[in-house]
Amino acid sequence: MKIAVIGATGRTGRHLIALASARGHDVTAFTRRASALEGVPGVRVIEGDGVNIADLRRAVSGQDAVISIVAAGDLGPTRIASTVTRALIEAMRLESVRRVLVTSSRSIGSTESGLVMAVVWGIFRYSYADLVREETYIEESGLDYTIVRGTRLTDARGTGRYHVDDQPNATGGTASLARADFALAILDAAEDPTTVGKTLGVNGPDRNTPARPLSSSTR
């Protein structure tokens, strides 16, 4: 597949472009800092601004799928994820590209209550509100979307295993998820047409979680 990654220089994005390239996909990395990807093999780099529709059109043109991994860099007021998503939707419509995946947080759809959840929402209230807007834009876009919600992301070494479900609250796995494994889950979802129109929740593996192949025959 031809895959464009928006937010390719982020900590999850770097894992994703490396994995997608290793699987034999034709990868386009869209970033504000092209110099940050110098020397990365097998990746076409396009520099641009994620809120500029013209820049995004250069990245998404001719792609089979677009993956956006955009999140706020701090805990302050933000609209970065939703603003980029809205611009991306318009760019994809103009370029007649339909398949899109965006990342979000499991906390957005959780129905769990209690002190811990209240504290988490209090801390991340601005970024979570932004992700709610992002998800709404995607769901109403008319595109072939998948929302991939992650749990608490870490920079731990990837295991090649993750738990995934489509329920508001996790049905298994652990609360900590290595970014490398989150990237694997995102790419697996991009390759799987049955995930279109779905919202997936991804957790770290527990002892019952099977290993997943790092390679794929899907192109």
N, C-alpha and C. Protein backbone atom coordinates (compact mmCIF):
# COMPACT_ATOMS: atom_id res chain seq x y z
N MET A 1 0.83 -1.20 0.00
CA MET A 1 0.00 0.00 0.00
C MET A 1 0.87 1.25 0.00
N LYS A 2 0.30 2.31 -0.49
CA LYS A 2 0.91 3.63 -0.36
C LYS A 2 0.30 4.28 0.87
N ILE A 3 1.14 4.57 1.86
CA ILE A 3 0.66 5.08 3.14
C ILE A 3 1.34 6.39 3.48
N ALA A 4 0.55 7.41 3.79
CA ALA A 4 1.09 8.68 4.27
C ALA A 4 0.89 8.75 5.78
N VAL A 5 1.92 9.18 6.48
CA VAL A 5 1.86 9.31 7.93
C VAL A 5 1.99 10.77 8.30
N ILE A 6 0.96 11.31 8.92
CA ILE A 6 0.97 12.70 9.38
C ILE A 6 1.41 12.70 10.84
N GLY A 7 2.46 13.46 11.14
CA GLY A 7 3.04 13.40 12.48
C GLY A 7 4.11 12.33 12.56
N ALA A 8 4.87 12.20 11.49
CA ALA A 8 5.82 11.09 11.36
C ALA A 8 7.04 11.20 12.25
N THR A 9 7.34 12.40 12.75
CA THR A 9 8.54 12.54 13.58
C THR A 9 8.24 12.40 15.06
N GLY A 10 7.00 12.16 15.43
CA GLY A 10 6.68 11.91 16.82
C GLY A 10 7.20 10.55 17.26
N ARG A 11 7.11 10.28 18.56
CA ARG A 11 7.69 9.04 19.08
C ARG A 11 6.96 7.80 18.57
N THR A 12 5.66 7.89 18.40
CA THR A 12 4.93 6.76 17.80
C THR A 12 5.10 6.75 16.29
N GLY A 13 5.08 7.93 15.69
CA GLY A 13 5.22 8.03 14.24
C GLY A 13 6.50 7.43 13.71
N ARG A 14 7.58 7.60 14.44
CA ARG A 14 8.87 7.02 14.00
C ARG A 14 8.81 5.50 13.97
N HIS A 15 8.19 4.92 14.99
CA HIS A 15 8.02 3.46 14.98
C HIS A 15 7.16 3.03 13.80
N LEU A 16 6.11 3.79 13.51
CA LEU A 16 5.17 3.42 12.47
C LEU A 16 5.81 3.45 11.09
N ILE A 17 6.53 4.52 10.77
CA ILE A 17 7.12 4.59 9.43
C ILE A 17 8.19 3.52 9.23
N ALA A 18 8.92 3.20 10.30
CA ALA A 18 9.94 2.15 10.20
C ALA A 18 9.28 0.79 9.96
N LEU A 19 8.22 0.51 10.69
CA LEU A 19 7.53 -0.76 10.55
C LEU A 19 6.85 -0.88 9.19
N ALA A 20 6.19 0.19 8.76
CA ALA A 20 5.50 0.16 7.47
C ALA A 20 6.49 -0.04 6.33
N SER A 21 7.63 0.63 6.42
CA SER A 21 8.65 0.46 5.39
C SER A 21 9.20 -0.96 5.40
N ALA A 22 9.42 -1.52 6.60
CA ALA A 22 9.94 -2.88 6.70
C ALA A 22 8.96 -3.90 6.13
N ARG A 23 7.67 -3.59 6.19
CA ARG A 23 6.65 -4.48 5.63
C ARG A 23 6.52 -4.34 4.12
N GLY A 24 7.24 -3.40 3.55
CA GLY A 24 7.21 -3.23 2.10
C GLY A 24 6.24 -2.22 1.58
N HIS A 25 5.63 -1.44 2.48
CA HIS A 25 4.72 -0.39 2.03
C HIS A 25 5.51 0.80 1.49
N ASP A 26 4.87 1.55 0.62
CA ASP A 26 5.43 2.79 0.08
C ASP A 26 5.04 3.91 1.04
N VAL A 27 6.00 4.40 1.83
CA VAL A 27 5.70 5.29 2.95
C VAL A 27 6.06 6.74 2.62
N THR A 28 5.09 7.64 2.86
CA THR A 28 5.33 9.07 2.78
C THR A 28 5.21 9.65 4.18
N ALA A 29 6.25 10.30 4.65
CA ALA A 29 6.27 10.90 5.98
C ALA A 29 6.06 12.39 5.87
N PHE A 30 5.00 12.89 6.49
CA PHE A 30 4.69 14.31 6.46
C PHE A 30 5.07 14.92 7.81
N THR A 31 5.88 15.97 7.77
CA THR A 31 6.39 16.55 9.01
C THR A 31 6.74 18.01 8.82
N ARG A 32 6.76 18.76 9.91
CA ARG A 32 7.23 20.15 9.85
C ARG A 32 8.74 20.23 9.81
N ARG A 33 9.41 19.12 10.17
CA ARG A 33 10.87 19.13 10.26
C ARG A 33 11.44 17.97 9.45
N ALA A 34 11.61 18.19 8.16
CA ALA A 34 12.14 17.13 7.30
C ALA A 34 13.53 16.70 7.73
N SER A 35 14.31 17.62 8.27
CA SER A 35 15.68 17.30 8.67
C SER A 35 15.71 16.22 9.76
N ALA A 36 14.62 16.09 10.52
CA ALA A 36 14.58 15.09 11.59
C ALA A 36 14.51 13.67 11.04
N LEU A 37 14.20 13.52 9.75
CA LEU A 37 14.12 12.19 9.16
C LEU A 37 15.22 11.93 8.15
N GLU A 38 16.25 12.74 8.18
CA GLU A 38 17.38 12.53 7.28
C GLU A 38 18.02 11.17 7.56
N GLY A 39 18.26 10.41 6.51
CA GLY A 39 18.91 9.12 6.68
C GLY A 39 17.97 7.97 6.98
N VAL A 40 16.67 8.24 7.13
CA VAL A 40 15.71 7.15 7.36
C VAL A 40 15.46 6.46 6.02
N PRO A 41 15.78 5.17 5.91
CA PRO A 41 15.67 4.50 4.61
C PRO A 41 14.23 4.17 4.23
N GLY A 42 13.97 4.15 2.94
CA GLY A 42 12.70 3.68 2.42
C GLY A 42 11.52 4.59 2.68
N VAL A 43 11.76 5.85 2.97
CA VAL A 43 10.68 6.76 3.32
C VAL A 43 10.79 8.04 2.48
N ARG A 44 9.70 8.44 1.85
CA ARG A 44 9.62 9.72 1.14
C ARG A 44 9.17 10.77 2.14
N VAL A 45 9.90 11.86 2.25
CA VAL A 45 9.61 12.88 3.25
C VAL A 45 9.05 14.13 2.57
N ILE A 46 7.93 14.62 3.09
CA ILE A 46 7.35 15.87 2.62
C ILE A 46 7.26 16.81 3.82
N GLU A 47 7.84 17.98 3.69
CA GLU A 47 7.79 18.97 4.77
C GLU A 47 6.60 19.89 4.56
N GLY A 48 5.89 20.16 5.62
CA GLY A 48 4.75 21.06 5.52
C GLY A 48 4.09 21.28 6.85
N ASP A 49 3.06 22.10 6.84
CA ASP A 49 2.31 22.45 8.04
C ASP A 49 1.00 21.67 8.05
N GLY A 50 0.71 21.00 9.15
CA GLY A 50 -0.46 20.16 9.25
C GLY A 50 -1.79 20.88 9.21
N VAL A 51 -1.78 22.19 9.30
CA VAL A 51 -3.04 22.94 9.19
C VAL A 51 -3.17 23.61 7.82
N ASN A 52 -2.19 23.38 6.95
CA ASN A 52 -2.20 23.96 5.61
C ASN A 52 -2.71 22.92 4.62
N ILE A 53 -3.88 23.17 4.07
CA ILE A 53 -4.51 22.18 3.19
C ILE A 53 -3.66 21.90 1.95
N ALA A 54 -3.04 22.92 1.40
CA ALA A 54 -2.20 22.72 0.21
C ALA A 54 -1.02 21.80 0.53
N ASP A 55 -0.40 21.98 1.69
CA ASP A 55 0.71 21.10 2.09
C ASP A 55 0.22 19.67 2.27
N LEU A 56 -0.93 19.52 2.91
CA LEU A 56 -1.47 18.19 3.14
C LEU A 56 -1.84 17.50 1.83
N ARG A 57 -2.32 18.25 0.88
CA ARG A 57 -2.67 17.65 -0.42
C ARG A 57 -1.45 17.03 -1.08
N ARG A 58 -0.30 17.66 -0.93
CA ARG A 58 0.93 17.07 -1.50
C ARG A 58 1.24 15.73 -0.86
N ALA A 59 0.94 15.60 0.41
CA ALA A 59 1.25 14.37 1.13
C ALA A 59 0.25 13.25 0.84
N VAL A 60 -1.03 13.59 0.72
CA VAL A 60 -2.06 12.55 0.60
C VAL A 60 -2.36 12.15 -0.84
N SER A 61 -1.93 12.96 -1.80
CA SER A 61 -2.22 12.68 -3.19
C SER A 61 -1.72 11.29 -3.60
N GLY A 62 -2.61 10.47 -4.16
CA GLY A 62 -2.23 9.15 -4.65
C GLY A 62 -2.07 8.08 -3.59
N GLN A 63 -2.39 8.39 -2.35
CA GLN A 63 -2.19 7.41 -1.27
C GLN A 63 -3.37 6.44 -1.18
N ASP A 64 -3.07 5.24 -0.70
CA ASP A 64 -4.12 4.26 -0.42
C ASP A 64 -4.69 4.45 0.98
N ALA A 65 -3.87 4.96 1.89
CA ALA A 65 -4.31 5.19 3.27
C ALA A 65 -3.50 6.33 3.86
N VAL A 66 -4.14 7.06 4.77
CA VAL A 66 -3.48 8.15 5.48
C VAL A 66 -3.64 7.89 6.98
N ILE A 67 -2.55 7.99 7.71
CA ILE A 67 -2.57 7.77 9.16
C ILE A 67 -2.11 9.05 9.84
N SER A 68 -2.95 9.58 10.72
CA SER A 68 -2.61 10.81 11.44
C SER A 68 -2.37 10.51 12.90
N ILE A 69 -1.16 10.86 13.36
CA ILE A 69 -0.78 10.68 14.76
C ILE A 69 -0.38 12.05 15.30
N VAL A 70 -1.38 12.80 15.70
CA VAL A 70 -1.15 14.17 16.14
C VAL A 70 -1.75 14.35 17.52
N ALA A 71 -0.97 14.92 18.44
CA ALA A 71 -1.46 15.14 19.80
C ALA A 71 -0.79 16.37 20.37
N ALA A 72 -1.39 16.92 21.40
CA ALA A 72 -0.82 18.11 22.05
C ALA A 72 0.51 17.77 22.71
N GLY A 73 1.41 18.75 22.70
CA GLY A 73 2.72 18.54 23.30
C GLY A 73 2.78 18.88 24.77
N ASP A 74 1.73 19.50 25.31
CA ASP A 74 1.72 19.84 26.74
C ASP A 74 0.28 19.75 27.24
N LEU A 75 0.07 20.19 28.48
CA LEU A 75 -1.25 20.04 29.11
C LEU A 75 -2.13 21.29 28.99
N GLY A 76 -1.66 22.28 28.27
CA GLY A 76 -2.40 23.52 28.16
C GLY A 76 -3.53 23.44 27.14
N PRO A 77 -4.32 24.53 27.02
CA PRO A 77 -5.40 24.57 26.03
C PRO A 77 -4.87 24.26 24.63
N THR A 78 -5.59 23.46 23.89
CA THR A 78 -5.12 23.04 22.57
C THR A 78 -6.28 22.67 21.66
N ARG A 79 -6.06 22.86 20.37
CA ARG A 79 -6.97 22.37 19.33
C ARG A 79 -6.16 21.75 18.20
N ILE A 80 -4.94 21.34 18.49
CA ILE A 80 -4.03 20.89 17.44
C ILE A 80 -4.55 19.65 16.72
N ALA A 81 -4.99 18.63 17.47
CA ALA A 81 -5.42 17.39 16.83
C ALA A 81 -6.66 17.62 15.96
N SER A 82 -7.63 18.34 16.50
CA SER A 82 -8.87 18.57 15.75
C SER A 82 -8.65 19.50 14.56
N THR A 83 -7.79 20.50 14.71
CA THR A 83 -7.52 21.43 13.61
C THR A 83 -6.82 20.72 12.46
N VAL A 84 -5.81 19.91 12.78
CA VAL A 84 -5.12 19.14 11.74
C VAL A 84 -6.08 18.16 11.08
N THR A 85 -6.90 17.51 11.88
CA THR A 85 -7.84 16.53 11.33
C THR A 85 -8.83 17.18 10.37
N ARG A 86 -9.34 18.34 10.73
CA ARG A 86 -10.29 19.03 9.86
C ARG A 86 -9.62 19.41 8.53
N ALA A 87 -8.39 19.89 8.59
CA ALA A 87 -7.67 20.23 7.36
C ALA A 87 -7.37 18.97 6.55
N LEU A 88 -7.02 17.90 7.24
CA LEU A 88 -6.71 16.65 6.55
C LEU A 88 -7.93 16.10 5.83
N ILE A 89 -9.08 16.16 6.45
CA ILE A 89 -10.31 15.69 5.81
C ILE A 89 -10.56 16.45 4.50
N GLU A 90 -10.39 17.76 4.55
CA GLU A 90 -10.60 18.57 3.34
C GLU A 90 -9.59 18.21 2.26
N ALA A 91 -8.32 18.04 2.65
CA ALA A 91 -7.28 17.68 1.68
C ALA A 91 -7.58 16.33 1.03
N MET A 92 -8.03 15.38 1.84
CA MET A 92 -8.34 14.05 1.31
C MET A 92 -9.53 14.10 0.36
N ARG A 93 -10.53 14.88 0.70
CA ARG A 93 -11.67 15.03 -0.21
C ARG A 93 -11.23 15.61 -1.55
N LEU A 94 -10.39 16.62 -1.51
CA LEU A 94 -9.93 17.26 -2.74
C LEU A 94 -9.09 16.32 -3.58
N GLU A 95 -8.38 15.39 -2.94
CA GLU A 95 -7.51 14.45 -3.66
C GLU A 95 -8.18 13.09 -3.87
N SER A 96 -9.46 12.98 -3.50
CA SER A 96 -10.22 11.73 -3.69
C SER A 96 -9.55 10.53 -3.03
N VAL A 97 -9.04 10.74 -1.82
CA VAL A 97 -8.46 9.67 -1.01
C VAL A 97 -9.43 9.39 0.14
N ARG A 98 -9.76 8.12 0.37
CA ARG A 98 -10.85 7.81 1.30
C ARG A 98 -10.39 7.17 2.62
N ARG A 99 -9.32 6.41 2.63
CA ARG A 99 -8.97 5.63 3.82
C ARG A 99 -8.14 6.46 4.78
N VAL A 100 -8.64 6.61 6.02
CA VAL A 100 -7.93 7.42 7.01
C VAL A 100 -8.01 6.76 8.38
N LEU A 101 -6.92 6.82 9.11
CA LEU A 101 -6.87 6.36 10.49
C LEU A 101 -6.33 7.49 11.35
N VAL A 102 -6.96 7.72 12.50
CA VAL A 102 -6.47 8.72 13.44
C VAL A 102 -6.31 8.06 14.80
N THR A 103 -5.39 8.59 15.59
CA THR A 103 -5.16 8.06 16.92
C THR A 103 -5.86 8.92 17.97
N SER A 104 -6.23 8.27 19.06
CA SER A 104 -6.91 8.95 20.14
C SER A 104 -6.56 8.24 21.45
N SER A 105 -7.35 8.48 22.48
CA SER A 105 -7.10 7.90 23.80
C SER A 105 -8.28 7.04 24.24
N ARG A 106 -7.98 5.92 24.91
CA ARG A 106 -9.05 5.07 25.42
C ARG A 106 -9.93 5.80 26.44
N SER A 107 -9.37 6.78 27.12
CA SER A 107 -10.13 7.50 28.13
C SER A 107 -11.32 8.25 27.54
N ILE A 108 -11.24 8.56 26.24
CA ILE A 108 -12.31 9.33 25.60
C ILE A 108 -13.65 8.61 25.67
N GLY A 109 -13.63 7.30 25.42
CA GLY A 109 -14.87 6.55 25.36
C GLY A 109 -15.18 5.77 26.61
N SER A 110 -14.32 5.84 27.61
CA SER A 110 -14.50 5.02 28.81
C SER A 110 -15.76 5.41 29.57
N THR A 111 -16.47 4.41 30.06
CA THR A 111 -17.64 4.65 30.91
C THR A 111 -17.30 4.42 32.38
N GLU A 112 -16.04 4.16 32.67
CA GLU A 112 -15.63 3.95 34.06
C GLU A 112 -15.69 5.27 34.82
N SER A 113 -16.00 5.18 36.10
CA SER A 113 -16.06 6.36 36.95
C SER A 113 -15.15 6.14 38.16
N GLY A 114 -15.09 7.15 39.02
CA GLY A 114 -14.26 7.02 40.21
C GLY A 114 -13.19 8.09 40.25
N LEU A 115 -12.44 8.07 41.36
CA LEU A 115 -11.45 9.11 41.61
C LEU A 115 -10.34 9.11 40.58
N VAL A 116 -9.84 7.92 40.22
CA VAL A 116 -8.72 7.85 39.28
C VAL A 116 -9.10 8.46 37.94
N MET A 117 -10.27 8.08 37.42
CA MET A 117 -10.69 8.62 36.12
C MET A 117 -10.93 10.12 36.20
N ALA A 118 -11.47 10.58 37.34
CA ALA A 118 -11.71 12.02 37.51
C ALA A 118 -10.40 12.79 37.50
N VAL A 119 -9.38 12.24 38.14
CA VAL A 119 -8.07 12.88 38.19
C VAL A 119 -7.45 12.91 36.79
N VAL A 120 -7.54 11.79 36.07
CA VAL A 120 -6.98 11.71 34.72
C VAL A 120 -7.64 12.75 33.81
N TRP A 121 -8.96 12.84 33.87
CA TRP A 121 -9.66 13.83 33.04
C TRP A 121 -9.33 15.26 33.46
N GLY A 122 -9.11 15.44 34.75
CA GLY A 122 -8.73 16.77 35.21
C GLY A 122 -7.38 17.20 34.67
N ILE A 123 -6.44 16.26 34.63
CA ILE A 123 -5.10 16.57 34.15
C ILE A 123 -5.08 16.79 32.64
N PHE A 124 -5.76 15.92 31.92
CA PHE A 124 -5.69 15.94 30.45
C PHE A 124 -6.93 16.54 29.80
N ARG A 125 -7.68 17.35 30.52
CA ARG A 125 -8.97 17.83 30.04
C ARG A 125 -8.89 18.56 28.70
N TYR A 126 -7.83 19.35 28.51
CA TYR A 126 -7.74 20.10 27.26
C TYR A 126 -7.46 19.18 26.07
N SER A 127 -6.50 18.29 26.24
CA SER A 127 -6.16 17.39 25.13
C SER A 127 -7.29 16.40 24.87
N TYR A 128 -7.98 15.94 25.92
CA TYR A 128 -9.10 15.03 25.72
C TYR A 128 -10.25 15.73 24.99
N ALA A 129 -10.54 16.96 25.37
CA ALA A 129 -11.59 17.71 24.66
C ALA A 129 -11.23 17.87 23.19
N ASP A 130 -9.96 18.07 22.91
CA ASP A 130 -9.49 18.19 21.53
C ASP A 130 -9.68 16.87 20.79
N LEU A 131 -9.39 15.76 21.45
CA LEU A 131 -9.56 14.46 20.82
C LEU A 131 -11.03 14.14 20.57
N VAL A 132 -11.91 14.58 21.46
CA VAL A 132 -13.35 14.40 21.23
C VAL A 132 -13.76 15.13 19.95
N ARG A 133 -13.27 16.35 19.77
CA ARG A 133 -13.57 17.10 18.54
C ARG A 133 -13.00 16.36 17.33
N GLU A 134 -11.78 15.88 17.45
CA GLU A 134 -11.15 15.14 16.34
C GLU A 134 -12.00 13.94 15.94
N GLU A 135 -12.40 13.15 16.92
CA GLU A 135 -13.19 11.96 16.63
C GLU A 135 -14.53 12.32 15.97
N THR A 136 -15.14 13.40 16.43
CA THR A 136 -16.40 13.84 15.84
C THR A 136 -16.23 14.22 14.38
N TYR A 137 -15.18 14.97 14.07
CA TYR A 137 -14.90 15.35 12.68
C TYR A 137 -14.73 14.12 11.80
N ILE A 138 -13.99 13.14 12.29
CA ILE A 138 -13.71 11.94 11.50
C ILE A 138 -14.99 11.13 11.29
N GLU A 139 -15.76 10.96 12.35
CA GLU A 139 -16.99 10.17 12.24
C GLU A 139 -18.00 10.81 11.29
N GLU A 140 -17.97 12.12 11.16
CA GLU A 140 -18.91 12.82 10.30
C GLU A 140 -18.34 13.14 8.91
N SER A 141 -17.12 12.67 8.66
CA SER A 141 -16.41 13.05 7.43
C SER A 141 -16.92 12.35 6.18
N GLY A 142 -17.51 11.16 6.35
CA GLY A 142 -17.90 10.38 5.19
C GLY A 142 -16.76 9.57 4.62
N LEU A 143 -15.57 9.66 5.21
CA LEU A 143 -14.42 8.90 4.75
C LEU A 143 -14.44 7.50 5.36
N ASP A 144 -13.59 6.63 4.83
CA ASP A 144 -13.44 5.27 5.35
C ASP A 144 -12.47 5.31 6.53
N TYR A 145 -13.00 5.61 7.70
CA TYR A 145 -12.15 5.90 8.85
C TYR A 145 -12.00 4.72 9.80
N THR A 146 -10.92 4.76 10.55
CA THR A 146 -10.75 3.94 11.75
C THR A 146 -10.13 4.83 12.81
N ILE A 147 -10.70 4.81 14.00
CA ILE A 147 -10.13 5.51 15.14
C ILE A 147 -9.40 4.48 16.00
N VAL A 148 -8.14 4.73 16.32
CA VAL A 148 -7.36 3.80 17.13
C VAL A 148 -7.00 4.49 18.44
N ARG A 149 -7.64 4.06 19.51
CA ARG A 149 -7.42 4.66 20.82
C ARG A 149 -6.38 3.87 21.60
N GLY A 150 -5.36 4.54 22.07
CA GLY A 150 -4.34 3.89 22.87
C GLY A 150 -4.52 4.17 24.36
N THR A 151 -3.89 3.37 25.16
CA THR A 151 -3.88 3.60 26.60
C THR A 151 -2.60 4.34 26.97
N ARG A 152 -2.11 4.21 28.18
CA ARG A 152 -0.95 4.97 28.64
C ARG A 152 0.29 4.53 27.86
N LEU A 153 0.79 5.42 27.00
CA LEU A 153 1.91 5.09 26.13
C LEU A 153 3.25 5.26 26.85
N THR A 154 4.15 4.33 26.58
CA THR A 154 5.49 4.38 27.17
C THR A 154 6.53 4.21 26.07
N ASP A 155 7.77 4.49 26.42
CA ASP A 155 8.88 4.29 25.49
C ASP A 155 9.60 2.98 25.75
N ALA A 156 8.92 2.05 26.42
CA ALA A 156 9.49 0.73 26.67
C ALA A 156 9.70 -0.01 25.35
N ARG A 157 10.53 -1.01 25.39
CA ARG A 157 10.79 -1.81 24.20
C ARG A 157 9.52 -2.55 23.77
N GLY A 158 9.27 -2.58 22.48
CA GLY A 158 8.08 -3.26 21.98
C GLY A 158 8.16 -4.76 22.18
N THR A 159 6.98 -5.36 22.34
CA THR A 159 6.90 -6.80 22.57
C THR A 159 6.38 -7.55 21.35
N GLY A 160 5.80 -6.82 20.38
CA GLY A 160 5.15 -7.48 19.25
C GLY A 160 3.79 -8.04 19.63
N ARG A 161 3.27 -7.60 20.77
CA ARG A 161 1.98 -8.09 21.27
C ARG A 161 1.17 -6.90 21.78
N TYR A 162 -0.13 -6.96 21.58
CA TYR A 162 -1.02 -5.94 22.12
C TYR A 162 -2.43 -6.52 22.21
N HIS A 163 -3.22 -5.97 23.09
CA HIS A 163 -4.64 -6.35 23.19
C HIS A 163 -5.47 -5.31 22.46
N VAL A 164 -6.43 -5.76 21.67
CA VAL A 164 -7.31 -4.83 20.95
C VAL A 164 -8.75 -5.29 21.09
N ASP A 165 -9.66 -4.34 21.23
CA ASP A 165 -11.09 -4.63 21.27
C ASP A 165 -11.83 -3.41 20.74
N ASP A 166 -13.14 -3.55 20.63
CA ASP A 166 -13.94 -2.41 20.14
C ASP A 166 -14.97 -1.99 21.17
N GLN A 167 -14.65 -2.17 22.44
CA GLN A 167 -15.55 -1.83 23.53
C GLN A 167 -15.12 -0.51 24.19
N PRO A 168 -16.06 0.18 24.85
CA PRO A 168 -15.69 1.44 25.53
C PRO A 168 -14.61 1.24 26.59
N ASN A 169 -14.71 0.13 27.34
CA ASN A 169 -13.73 -0.18 28.37
C ASN A 169 -12.95 -1.43 27.97
N ALA A 170 -11.70 -1.47 28.31
CA ALA A 170 -10.83 -2.56 27.88
C ALA A 170 -11.34 -3.90 28.38
N THR A 171 -11.30 -4.91 27.52
CA THR A 171 -11.71 -6.25 27.88
C THR A 171 -10.53 -7.14 28.24
N GLY A 172 -9.35 -6.58 28.24
CA GLY A 172 -8.15 -7.33 28.58
C GLY A 172 -6.92 -6.47 28.42
N GLY A 173 -5.76 -7.07 28.60
CA GLY A 173 -4.52 -6.35 28.45
C GLY A 173 -4.17 -5.53 29.68
N THR A 174 -3.13 -4.71 29.55
CA THR A 174 -2.64 -3.90 30.65
C THR A 174 -2.75 -2.42 30.29
N ALA A 175 -2.66 -1.58 31.30
CA ALA A 175 -2.86 -0.14 31.10
C ALA A 175 -1.68 0.53 30.42
N SER A 176 -0.51 -0.09 30.42
CA SER A 176 0.68 0.50 29.79
C SER A 176 0.91 -0.14 28.43
N LEU A 177 1.18 0.69 27.44
CA LEU A 177 1.35 0.22 26.06
C LEU A 177 2.60 0.85 25.46
N ALA A 178 3.52 0.02 25.03
CA ALA A 178 4.73 0.53 24.37
C ALA A 178 4.36 1.17 23.04
N ARG A 179 4.99 2.30 22.76
CA ARG A 179 4.68 3.00 21.51
C ARG A 179 4.94 2.12 20.29
N ALA A 180 5.96 1.29 20.36
CA ALA A 180 6.24 0.39 19.24
C ALA A 180 5.08 -0.57 18.99
N ASP A 181 4.46 -1.04 20.08
CA ASP A 181 3.31 -1.94 19.93
C ASP A 181 2.07 -1.18 19.48
N PHE A 182 1.92 0.07 19.91
CA PHE A 182 0.82 0.89 19.42
C PHE A 182 0.96 1.11 17.92
N ALA A 183 2.18 1.37 17.46
CA ALA A 183 2.42 1.54 16.03
C ALA A 183 2.06 0.28 15.26
N LEU A 184 2.39 -0.88 15.84
CA LEU A 184 2.04 -2.16 15.21
C LEU A 184 0.53 -2.30 15.09
N ALA A 185 -0.19 -1.94 16.15
CA ALA A 185 -1.66 -2.02 16.13
C ALA A 185 -2.25 -1.10 15.07
N ILE A 186 -1.71 0.10 14.96
CA ILE A 186 -2.21 1.06 13.96
C ILE A 186 -2.01 0.52 12.55
N LEU A 187 -0.81 -0.01 12.27
CA LEU A 187 -0.52 -0.52 10.93
C LEU A 187 -1.37 -1.75 10.63
N ASP A 188 -1.54 -2.63 11.61
CA ASP A 188 -2.41 -3.79 11.40
C ASP A 188 -3.82 -3.35 11.04
N ALA A 189 -4.32 -2.32 11.72
CA ALA A 189 -5.66 -1.80 11.43
C ALA A 189 -5.73 -1.21 10.03
N ALA A 190 -4.67 -0.52 9.61
CA ALA A 190 -4.65 0.07 8.27
C ALA A 190 -4.70 -1.00 7.20
N GLU A 191 -4.10 -2.13 7.46
CA GLU A 191 -4.07 -3.23 6.49
C GLU A 191 -5.35 -4.06 6.49
N ASP A 192 -6.19 -3.89 7.48
CA ASP A 192 -7.37 -4.73 7.65
C ASP A 192 -8.64 -3.97 7.26
N PRO A 193 -9.25 -4.28 6.13
CA PRO A 193 -10.44 -3.54 5.68
C PRO A 193 -11.65 -3.70 6.60
N THR A 194 -11.65 -4.72 7.44
CA THR A 194 -12.79 -4.91 8.34
C THR A 194 -12.81 -3.90 9.47
N THR A 195 -11.75 -3.10 9.62
CA THR A 195 -11.73 -2.08 10.67
C THR A 195 -12.35 -0.76 10.22
N VAL A 196 -12.74 -0.65 8.97
CA VAL A 196 -13.35 0.59 8.48
C VAL A 196 -14.64 0.87 9.25
N GLY A 197 -14.78 2.11 9.70
CA GLY A 197 -15.96 2.52 10.44
C GLY A 197 -15.95 2.11 11.90
N LYS A 198 -14.82 1.60 12.38
CA LYS A 198 -14.75 1.13 13.75
C LYS A 198 -13.84 2.02 14.61
N THR A 199 -14.10 1.98 15.91
CA THR A 199 -13.23 2.59 16.89
C THR A 199 -12.62 1.48 17.71
N LEU A 200 -11.30 1.36 17.65
CA LEU A 200 -10.58 0.29 18.33
C LEU A 200 -9.87 0.82 19.56
N GLY A 201 -9.86 0.02 20.61
CA GLY A 201 -9.10 0.34 21.81
C GLY A 201 -7.91 -0.60 21.92
N VAL A 202 -6.75 -0.05 22.17
CA VAL A 202 -5.53 -0.87 22.22
C VAL A 202 -4.89 -0.75 23.60
N ASN A 203 -4.60 -1.90 24.21
CA ASN A 203 -3.91 -1.96 25.49
C ASN A 203 -2.62 -2.75 25.35
N GLY A 204 -1.77 -2.65 26.35
CA GLY A 204 -0.60 -3.48 26.39
C GLY A 204 -0.99 -4.93 26.60
N PRO A 205 -0.08 -5.87 26.34
CA PRO A 205 -0.41 -7.29 26.43
C PRO A 205 -0.43 -7.79 27.87
N ASP A 206 -1.28 -8.79 28.11
CA ASP A 206 -1.20 -9.55 29.35
C ASP A 206 -0.76 -10.97 28.98
N ARG A 207 -0.77 -11.87 29.92
CA ARG A 207 -0.23 -13.21 29.65
C ARG A 207 -1.06 -14.00 28.64
N ASN A 208 -2.29 -13.56 28.39
CA ASN A 208 -3.14 -14.27 27.44
C ASN A 208 -3.10 -13.67 26.04
N THR A 209 -2.32 -12.61 25.86
CA THR A 209 -2.28 -11.91 24.57
C THR A 209 -1.33 -12.62 23.61
N PRO A 210 -1.81 -13.03 22.45
CA PRO A 210 -0.93 -13.73 21.50
C PRO A 210 0.04 -12.79 20.81
N ALA A 211 1.14 -13.35 20.35
CA ALA A 211 2.09 -12.58 19.55
C ALA A 211 1.49 -12.30 18.19
N ARG A 212 1.84 -11.17 17.62
CA ARG A 212 1.34 -10.79 16.30
C ARG A 212 2.52 -10.67 15.33
N PRO A 213 2.33 -11.05 14.08
CA PRO A 213 3.44 -11.00 13.11
C PRO A 213 3.87 -9.55 12.84
N LEU A 214 5.17 -9.34 12.81
CA LEU A 214 5.69 -8.02 12.47
C LEU A 214 5.72 -7.81 10.97
N SER A 215 5.73 -8.91 10.21
CA SER A 215 5.70 -8.81 8.76
C SER A 215 4.29 -9.12 8.27
N SER A 216 4.02 -8.78 7.02
CA SER A 216 2.68 -9.00 6.48
C SER A 216 2.79 -9.19 4.98
N SER A 217 1.87 -9.97 4.44
CA SER A 217 1.83 -10.16 2.99
C SER A 217 0.98 -9.09 2.31
N THR A 218 0.32 -8.24 3.12
CA THR A 218 -0.53 -7.19 2.56
C THR A 218 0.33 -6.05 2.01
N ARG A 219 0.06 -5.62 0.80
CA ARG A 219 0.82 -4.53 0.19
C ARG A 219 -0.15 -3.52 -0.41
